[in-house]
Amino acid sequence: MFESGAAMAAVVLDAPPSNAEVIRDLQARIRGMQRNRLDTRAIPTHQALVDLLPGGALAAGGRYQVAASTTLALALLQGPSAAGAWCAVVGVPDLGAEAAAGLGIDLERLVLVPHPGEQWMAVVSALVDVVSVVLVKPPVRDGRSRVPEAAAGKLAARLRQREAVLVALGEWPQTDAALSIFESAWVGLGSGFGHLIARQVTVGSVASAWQGRMKSRRLWLPGADQQVAGVGPRVRDVVPLRSVVP
């Protein structure tokens, strides 16, 4: 059920959990390793993203939404992982361990559950008990992520109690901040030849703390070195939502 090795040091749960015993086994495995939480309520994130989050960090007990960018979602995990926290990724089967490591995530403190099946919410709830940050891609039905409000409410209470953080790759009810890309351009192609080597984007963030306005920042996602970084000097742009072109 669990796999590890030199090439992939992450803990991998490679089969859909079907009962409480499997979930307890997962919890016991992590508890037996290094410390899994950070001793702070403000959890550091990637330096390039601090202007896009209320308070400049992930808040213990917080919920965050990222639209359609696995790289951007993983960048939120980079800071906690570098600081020594355990992280988990649920429901992203195409995520490679090498890609996560390339973005600065420590594989020795990473749990991957590629195929959670119908038990995905139970898996997330179990992981919240033992890791600092859980990234989850909710199942898509009829073209949209559909997360039951009642289940999301129960999980929110659990997050606050455990002081963990949820990052949703897709729609999620009542988030502290919602990040999305609304401009994107690749670098590297010439006149019909060449290779895509970097991507420059504008990321917008909406949060209730900002009272209906959006903060935005230009980023390399990724740059030529395959890292996430800010473009030029850090600027705290605040633009009305109505001026943003989807």
Protein backbone atom coordinates (compact mmCIF):
# COMPACT_ATOMS: atom_id res chain seq x y z
CA MET A 1 0.00 0.00 0.00
CA PHE A 2 2.79 2.43 0.89
CA GLU A 3 5.78 2.94 -1.36
CA SER A 4 9.09 4.74 -0.90
CA GLY A 5 12.55 4.72 -2.44
CA ALA A 6 15.54 6.81 -3.40
CA ALA A 7 13.84 8.22 -6.47
CA MET A 8 10.57 8.90 -4.66
CA ALA A 9 10.95 9.48 -0.95
CA ALA A 10 7.37 10.68 -0.65
CA VAL A 11 4.87 8.50 1.18
CA VAL A 12 2.49 7.24 -1.51
CA LEU A 13 -0.92 5.74 -0.86
CA ASP A 14 -1.40 4.17 -4.27
CA ALA A 15 -4.81 2.53 -3.86
CA PRO A 16 -8.17 4.10 -3.03
CA PRO A 17 -8.71 3.90 0.75
CA SER A 18 -11.86 1.87 1.32
CA ASN A 19 -12.10 1.69 5.08
CA ALA A 20 -11.13 3.31 8.37
CA GLU A 21 -8.29 0.83 8.91
CA VAL A 22 -6.39 2.14 5.88
CA ILE A 23 -6.86 5.73 7.06
CA ARG A 24 -5.63 4.86 10.55
CA ASP A 25 -2.61 3.15 9.00
CA LEU A 26 -1.83 6.35 7.11
CA GLN A 27 -2.08 8.43 10.27
CA ALA A 28 0.14 6.03 12.23
CA ARG A 29 2.77 6.04 9.49
CA ILE A 30 3.12 9.82 9.58
CA ARG A 31 2.96 10.13 13.36
CA GLY A 32 5.90 7.75 13.59
CA MET A 33 8.12 10.07 11.56
CA GLN A 34 9.48 13.56 12.16
CA ARG A 35 7.45 16.42 13.58
CA ASN A 36 4.65 17.29 11.22
CA ARG A 37 3.50 20.76 12.32
CA LEU A 38 4.93 24.23 12.63
CA ASP A 39 4.78 26.08 15.93
CA THR A 40 3.09 29.16 14.50
CA ARG A 41 -0.33 30.32 13.32
CA ALA A 42 1.17 32.23 10.38
CA ILE A 43 2.58 29.57 8.06
CA PRO A 44 5.12 30.95 5.56
CA THR A 45 4.46 30.42 1.87
CA HIS A 46 6.52 31.04 -1.26
CA GLN A 47 8.14 34.47 -1.13
CA ALA A 48 6.69 35.41 -4.53
CA LEU A 49 3.14 34.87 -3.24
CA VAL A 50 3.15 36.80 0.04
CA ASP A 51 1.44 39.85 -1.48
CA LEU A 52 -1.42 37.65 -2.66
CA LEU A 53 -2.42 36.36 0.77
CA PRO A 54 -4.04 38.25 3.67
CA GLY A 55 -1.34 38.76 6.26
CA GLY A 56 1.34 37.66 3.78
CA ALA A 57 1.15 34.01 4.86
CA LEU A 58 -1.10 30.98 5.09
CA ALA A 59 -3.19 31.11 8.26
CA ALA A 60 -3.46 28.03 10.45
CA GLY A 61 -7.01 26.76 10.01
CA GLY A 62 -7.34 28.57 6.67
CA ARG A 63 -8.78 27.46 3.33
CA TYR A 64 -7.40 28.64 -0.01
CA GLN A 65 -8.56 28.10 -3.57
CA VAL A 66 -6.40 27.96 -6.70
CA ALA A 67 -7.97 27.86 -10.15
CA ALA A 68 -6.53 25.54 -12.80
CA SER A 69 -2.80 25.73 -11.97
CA THR A 70 -1.09 22.85 -10.19
CA THR A 71 2.21 24.76 -10.22
CA LEU A 72 0.65 27.74 -8.44
CA ALA A 73 -1.01 25.46 -5.89
CA LEU A 74 2.26 23.64 -5.20
CA ALA A 75 4.04 26.97 -4.75
CA LEU A 76 1.81 27.60 -1.74
CA LEU A 77 3.17 24.38 -0.20
CA GLN A 78 6.81 25.27 -0.79
CA GLY A 79 7.19 27.57 2.21
CA PRO A 80 5.66 25.22 4.80
CA SER A 81 7.64 22.28 3.41
CA ALA A 82 10.93 24.22 3.50
CA ALA A 83 10.18 25.17 7.12
CA GLY A 84 9.87 21.51 8.10
CA ALA A 85 6.13 20.86 7.89
CA TRP A 86 4.48 17.75 6.48
CA CYS A 87 2.32 18.33 3.39
CA ALA A 88 -0.05 16.11 1.42
CA VAL A 89 -1.46 16.10 -2.12
CA VAL A 90 -4.77 14.31 -2.72
CA GLY A 91 -6.45 13.56 -6.06
CA VAL A 92 -3.71 14.76 -8.46
CA PRO A 93 -2.61 11.53 -10.21
CA ASP A 94 -0.52 13.29 -12.85
CA LEU A 95 1.69 14.99 -10.26
CA GLY A 96 5.25 13.69 -10.39
CA ALA A 97 7.48 13.60 -7.34
CA GLU A 98 10.30 15.14 -9.38
CA ALA A 99 8.08 18.10 -10.28
CA ALA A 100 7.23 18.67 -6.63
CA ALA A 101 10.89 18.42 -5.63
CA GLY A 102 11.82 20.85 -8.40
CA LEU A 103 9.53 23.44 -6.81
CA GLY A 104 11.29 23.06 -3.47
CA ILE A 105 8.96 20.61 -1.72
CA ASP A 106 10.73 18.13 0.56
CA LEU A 107 9.72 14.65 -0.59
CA GLU A 108 10.64 13.14 2.76
CA ARG A 109 7.73 15.05 4.31
CA LEU A 110 5.22 14.67 1.48
CA VAL A 111 2.23 12.32 1.30
CA LEU A 112 0.73 11.57 -2.12
CA VAL A 113 -2.74 10.06 -2.50
CA PRO A 114 -3.20 10.03 -6.29
CA HIS A 115 -6.46 8.05 -6.40
CA PRO A 116 -8.59 8.64 -3.28
CA GLY A 117 -11.76 7.44 -5.01
CA GLU A 118 -15.12 8.14 -3.44
CA GLN A 119 -13.42 8.38 -0.02
CA TRP A 120 -11.57 11.58 -0.92
CA MET A 121 -13.18 13.75 1.77
CA ALA A 122 -12.47 11.10 4.44
CA VAL A 123 -8.85 10.97 3.29
CA VAL A 124 -8.51 14.76 3.50
CA SER A 125 -10.07 14.78 6.98
CA ALA A 126 -7.67 12.08 8.15
CA LEU A 127 -4.66 13.91 6.77
CA VAL A 128 -5.70 17.16 8.44
CA ASP A 129 -5.07 15.40 11.76
CA VAL A 130 -1.41 14.74 10.99
CA VAL A 131 -0.03 17.19 8.42
CA SER A 132 0.20 20.98 8.24
CA VAL A 133 -1.01 21.57 4.67
CA VAL A 134 -3.27 19.45 2.46
CA LEU A 135 -3.63 20.17 -1.26
CA VAL A 136 -6.71 18.51 -2.73
CA LYS A 137 -8.25 18.44 -6.17
CA PRO A 138 -11.97 17.81 -5.63
CA PRO A 139 -13.74 15.50 -8.10
CA VAL A 140 -15.24 17.26 -11.11
CA ARG A 141 -18.83 16.52 -12.04
CA ASP A 142 -20.72 18.19 -14.88
CA GLY A 143 -17.65 20.31 -15.60
CA ARG A 144 -17.37 21.75 -12.07
CA SER A 145 -15.84 20.88 -8.74
CA ARG A 146 -18.74 20.09 -6.45
CA VAL A 147 -17.95 20.05 -2.76
CA PRO A 148 -20.91 19.43 -0.41
CA GLU A 149 -21.44 22.50 1.78
CA ALA A 150 -22.12 20.42 4.90
CA ALA A 151 -18.96 18.35 4.48
CA ALA A 152 -16.91 21.46 3.76
CA GLY A 153 -18.27 23.06 6.93
CA LYS A 154 -17.28 20.07 9.06
CA LEU A 155 -13.82 20.06 7.52
CA ALA A 156 -13.46 23.80 8.20
CA ALA A 157 -14.08 23.16 11.90
CA ARG A 158 -11.51 20.35 11.85
CA LEU A 159 -8.95 22.60 10.16
CA ARG A 160 -9.38 25.23 12.87
CA GLN A 161 -9.13 22.65 15.63
CA ARG A 162 -5.98 21.05 14.18
CA GLU A 163 -4.53 24.38 12.94
CA ALA A 164 -3.95 22.87 9.50
CA VAL A 165 -4.32 24.49 6.07
CA LEU A 166 -6.35 23.38 3.05
CA VAL A 167 -5.41 24.35 -0.51
CA ALA A 168 -8.08 23.40 -3.05
CA LEU A 169 -7.17 22.99 -6.72
CA GLY A 170 -10.62 23.94 -7.94
CA GLU A 171 -13.75 25.44 -6.42
CA TRP A 172 -14.20 25.30 -2.65
CA PRO A 173 -16.83 26.97 -0.43
CA GLN A 174 -15.92 29.91 1.83
CA THR A 175 -12.19 30.30 1.25
CA ASP A 176 -9.89 32.84 2.88
CA ALA A 177 -8.42 33.73 -0.53
CA ALA A 178 -8.97 32.60 -4.11
CA LEU A 179 -6.06 32.77 -6.56
CA SER A 180 -6.37 32.60 -10.33
CA ILE A 181 -4.35 33.35 -13.46
CA PHE A 182 -5.89 35.90 -15.78
CA GLU A 183 -2.98 36.70 -18.13
CA SER A 184 -0.41 34.23 -19.46
CA ALA A 185 2.40 34.27 -22.03
CA TRP A 186 5.06 31.67 -22.83
CA VAL A 187 8.66 32.58 -23.62
CA GLY A 188 11.00 30.67 -25.92
CA LEU A 189 9.32 30.25 -29.28
CA GLY A 190 10.73 32.10 -32.28
CA SER A 191 9.17 32.35 -35.76
CA GLY A 192 7.86 28.81 -35.87
CA PHE A 193 10.77 27.22 -34.03
CA GLY A 194 12.34 26.94 -30.59
CA HIS A 195 11.19 25.52 -27.24
CA LEU A 196 8.90 26.80 -24.52
CA ILE A 197 11.25 27.63 -21.65
CA ALA A 198 9.30 29.89 -19.28
CA ARG A 199 5.83 31.23 -18.60
CA GLN A 200 4.97 34.69 -17.36
CA VAL A 201 1.55 35.17 -15.76
CA THR A 202 -0.48 37.66 -13.81
CA VAL A 203 -2.02 36.08 -10.72
CA GLY A 204 -4.99 37.73 -9.06
CA SER A 205 -6.17 37.07 -5.53
CA VAL A 206 -9.57 37.83 -4.02
CA ALA A 207 -10.09 37.75 -0.26
CA SER A 208 -12.90 38.87 2.01
CA ALA A 209 -10.33 40.87 3.98
CA TRP A 210 -9.87 43.09 0.92
CA GLN A 211 -13.55 44.02 0.70
CA GLY A 212 -14.35 43.11 -2.89
CA ARG A 213 -11.06 44.14 -4.46
CA MET A 214 -8.34 42.07 -6.07
CA LYS A 215 -4.58 42.09 -5.54
CA SER A 216 -2.42 41.00 -8.42
CA ARG A 217 1.20 40.23 -9.15
CA ARG A 218 3.22 39.32 -12.23
CA LEU A 219 5.09 36.01 -11.81
CA TRP A 220 7.31 33.56 -13.62
CA LEU A 221 5.30 30.33 -13.37
CA PRO A 222 7.79 28.82 -13.96
CA GLY A 223 10.89 30.72 -15.07
CA ALA A 224 13.67 29.38 -17.28
CA ASP A 225 15.16 27.72 -14.17
CA GLN A 226 11.78 26.03 -13.55
CA GLN A 227 11.28 28.05 -10.37
CA VAL A 228 8.42 30.33 -9.37
CA ALA A 229 9.54 33.95 -8.98
CA GLY A 230 8.23 37.50 -9.08
CA VAL A 231 8.75 39.59 -12.22
CA GLY A 232 10.53 42.85 -11.45
CA PRO A 233 10.09 44.68 -8.14
CA ARG A 234 7.35 43.55 -5.77
CA VAL A 235 4.34 45.79 -6.19
CA ARG A 236 1.14 45.72 -4.16
CA ASP A 237 -1.31 46.21 -7.00
CA VAL A 238 -4.95 46.62 -5.98
CA VAL A 239 -7.39 46.67 -8.88
CA PRO A 240 -11.19 46.74 -8.89
CA LEU A 241 -12.65 43.37 -9.84
CA ARG A 242 -14.65 44.87 -12.69
CA SER A 243 -11.43 45.84 -14.49
CA VAL A 244 -10.09 42.28 -14.65
CA VAL A 245 -10.51 40.47 -17.94
CA PRO A 246 -11.08 36.70 -17.44
